[in-house]
């Protein structure tokens, strides 16, 4: 990895949904250290956060709701 690149974790929503996503990518950075995210990557996404390095996300909003088993009793 070049000195002008940075490995980041990006947290985002797809524009057509409410599920929170994340990905680990390596992008170029400018001389002041700001990551340059390509337009192609940003297309169709709303970026929530850019974190330095690889971040292990243990829980995201909605994870527990999706994992609950609904049962009905009669």
C-alpha atoms as a PDB file:
ATOM      1  CA  UNK A   1       0.000   0.000   0.000  1.00  0.00           C
ATOM      2  CA  UNK A   2       1.347   3.411  -0.990  1.00  0.00           C
ATOM      3  CA  UNK A   3       1.815   6.282   1.474  1.00  0.00           C
ATOM      4  CA  UNK A   4      -0.849   8.128  -0.493  1.00  0.00           C
ATOM      5  CA  UNK A   5      -3.419   5.406   0.095  1.00  0.00           C
ATOM      6  CA  UNK A   6      -5.412   4.592   3.194  1.00  0.00           C
ATOM      7  CA  UNK A   7      -7.378   1.509   4.238  1.00  0.00           C
ATOM      8  CA  UNK A   8     -10.774   2.554   5.585  1.00  0.00           C
ATOM      9  CA  UNK A   9     -14.066   1.114   6.722  1.00  0.00           C
ATOM     10  CA  UNK A  10     -17.029   2.869   5.148  1.00  0.00           C
ATOM     11  CA  UNK A  11     -20.486   2.721   6.731  1.00  0.00           C
ATOM     12  CA  UNK A  12     -23.333   3.535   4.363  1.00  0.00           C
ATOM     13  CA  UNK A  13     -26.941   3.062   3.270  1.00  0.00           C
ATOM     14  CA  UNK A  14     -27.922   2.014  -0.233  1.00  0.00           C
ATOM     15  CA  UNK A  15     -30.178   4.727  -1.657  1.00  0.00           C
ATOM     16  CA  UNK A  16     -32.976   2.201  -2.185  1.00  0.00           C
ATOM     17  CA  UNK A  17     -33.065   0.707   1.327  1.00  0.00           C
ATOM     18  CA  UNK A  18     -32.788   1.221   5.057  1.00  0.00           C
ATOM     19  CA  UNK A  19     -30.316  -1.560   5.874  1.00  0.00           C
ATOM     20  CA  UNK A  20     -26.970  -0.270   7.166  1.00  0.00           C
ATOM     21  CA  UNK A  21     -23.958  -1.670   5.256  1.00  0.00           C
ATOM     22  CA  UNK A  22     -20.199  -1.500   5.660  1.00  0.00           C
ATOM     23  CA  UNK A  23     -17.172  -2.351   3.552  1.00  0.00           C
ATOM     24  CA  UNK A  24     -13.408  -2.203   3.931  1.00  0.00           C
ATOM     25  CA  UNK A  25     -11.628  -0.498   1.035  1.00  0.00           C
ATOM     26  CA  UNK A  26      -8.272   1.043   0.141  1.00  0.00           C
ATOM     27  CA  UNK A  27      -8.540   4.485  -1.452  1.00  0.00           C
ATOM     28  CA  UNK A  28      -6.160   7.234  -2.435  1.00  0.00           C
ATOM     29  CA  UNK A  29      -5.720  10.122  -0.027  1.00  0.00           C
ATOM     30  CA  UNK A  30      -4.644  13.680  -0.655  1.00  0.00           C
ATOM     31  CA  UNK A  31      -1.542  15.266   0.884  1.00  0.00           C
ATOM     32  CA  UNK A  32      -3.513  16.435   3.935  1.00  0.00           C
ATOM     33  CA  UNK A  33      -4.655  12.843   4.627  1.00  0.00           C
ATOM     34  CA  UNK A  34      -8.261  13.149   3.457  1.00  0.00           C
ATOM     35  CA  UNK A  35      -9.522   9.985   1.730  1.00  0.00           C
ATOM     36  CA  UNK A  36     -10.661  10.429  -1.867  1.00  0.00           C
ATOM     37  CA  UNK A  37     -13.711   8.226  -2.444  1.00  0.00           C
ATOM     38  CA  UNK A  38     -14.322   7.648  -6.165  1.00  0.00           C
ATOM     39  CA  UNK A  39     -17.633   8.808  -7.648  1.00  0.00           C
ATOM     40  CA  UNK A  40     -18.270   5.255  -8.890  1.00  0.00           C
ATOM     41  CA  UNK A  41     -18.152   3.965  -5.296  1.00  0.00           C
ATOM     42  CA  UNK A  42     -20.438   6.727  -3.985  1.00  0.00           C
ATOM     43  CA  UNK A  43     -23.070   6.171  -6.689  1.00  0.00           C
ATOM     44  CA  UNK A  44     -26.290   4.857  -5.143  1.00  0.00           C
ATOM     45  CA  UNK A  45     -25.035   5.209  -1.548  1.00  0.00           C
ATOM     46  CA  UNK A  46     -25.454   7.606   1.360  1.00  0.00           C
ATOM     47  CA  UNK A  47     -22.170   7.459   3.274  1.00  0.00           C
ATOM     48  CA  UNK A  48     -22.629   7.718   7.050  1.00  0.00           C
ATOM     49  CA  UNK A  49     -19.016   7.401   8.235  1.00  0.00           C
ATOM     50  CA  UNK A  50     -15.464   6.808   7.012  1.00  0.00           C
ATOM     51  CA  UNK A  51     -13.340   5.123   9.683  1.00  0.00           C
ATOM     52  CA  UNK A  52      -9.553   4.746   9.647  1.00  0.00           C
ATOM     53  CA  UNK A  53      -8.472   1.139   9.168  1.00  0.00           C
ATOM     54  CA  UNK A  54     -10.434  -2.073   9.429  1.00  0.00           C
ATOM     55  CA  UNK A  55     -13.269  -1.765  11.922  1.00  0.00           C
ATOM     56  CA  UNK A  56     -15.047  -4.887  13.172  1.00  0.00           C
ATOM     57  CA  UNK A  57     -18.705  -3.940  13.566  1.00  0.00           C
ATOM     58  CA  UNK A  58     -20.349  -6.133  16.184  1.00  0.00           C
ATOM     59  CA  UNK A  59     -23.912  -4.794  15.926  1.00  0.00           C
ATOM     60  CA  UNK A  60     -25.690  -2.411  13.598  1.00  0.00           C
ATOM     61  CA  UNK A  61     -29.046  -0.753  14.048  1.00  0.00           C
ATOM     62  CA  UNK A  62     -31.731  -3.236  13.084  1.00  0.00           C
ATOM     63  CA  UNK A  63     -29.588  -6.371  13.556  1.00  0.00           C
ATOM     64  CA  UNK A  64     -31.474  -7.458  16.659  1.00  0.00           C
ATOM     65  CA  UNK A  65     -34.851  -6.721  15.128  1.00  0.00           C
ATOM     66  CA  UNK A  66     -34.095  -8.944  12.138  1.00  0.00           C
ATOM     67  CA  UNK A  67     -32.881 -11.802  14.357  1.00  0.00           C
ATOM     68  CA  UNK A  68     -36.005 -11.986  16.555  1.00  0.00           C
ATOM     69  CA  UNK A  69     -38.179 -15.018  15.868  1.00  0.00           C
ATOM     70  CA  UNK A  70     -41.818 -14.074  15.919  1.00  0.00           C
ATOM     71  CA  UNK A  71     -44.199 -16.762  17.119  1.00  0.00           C
ATOM     72  CA  UNK A  72     -47.923 -16.656  17.558  1.00  0.00           C
ATOM     73  CA  UNK A  73     -49.855 -18.662  20.069  1.00  0.00           C
ATOM     74  CA  UNK A  74     -53.509 -19.581  19.742  1.00  0.00           C
END
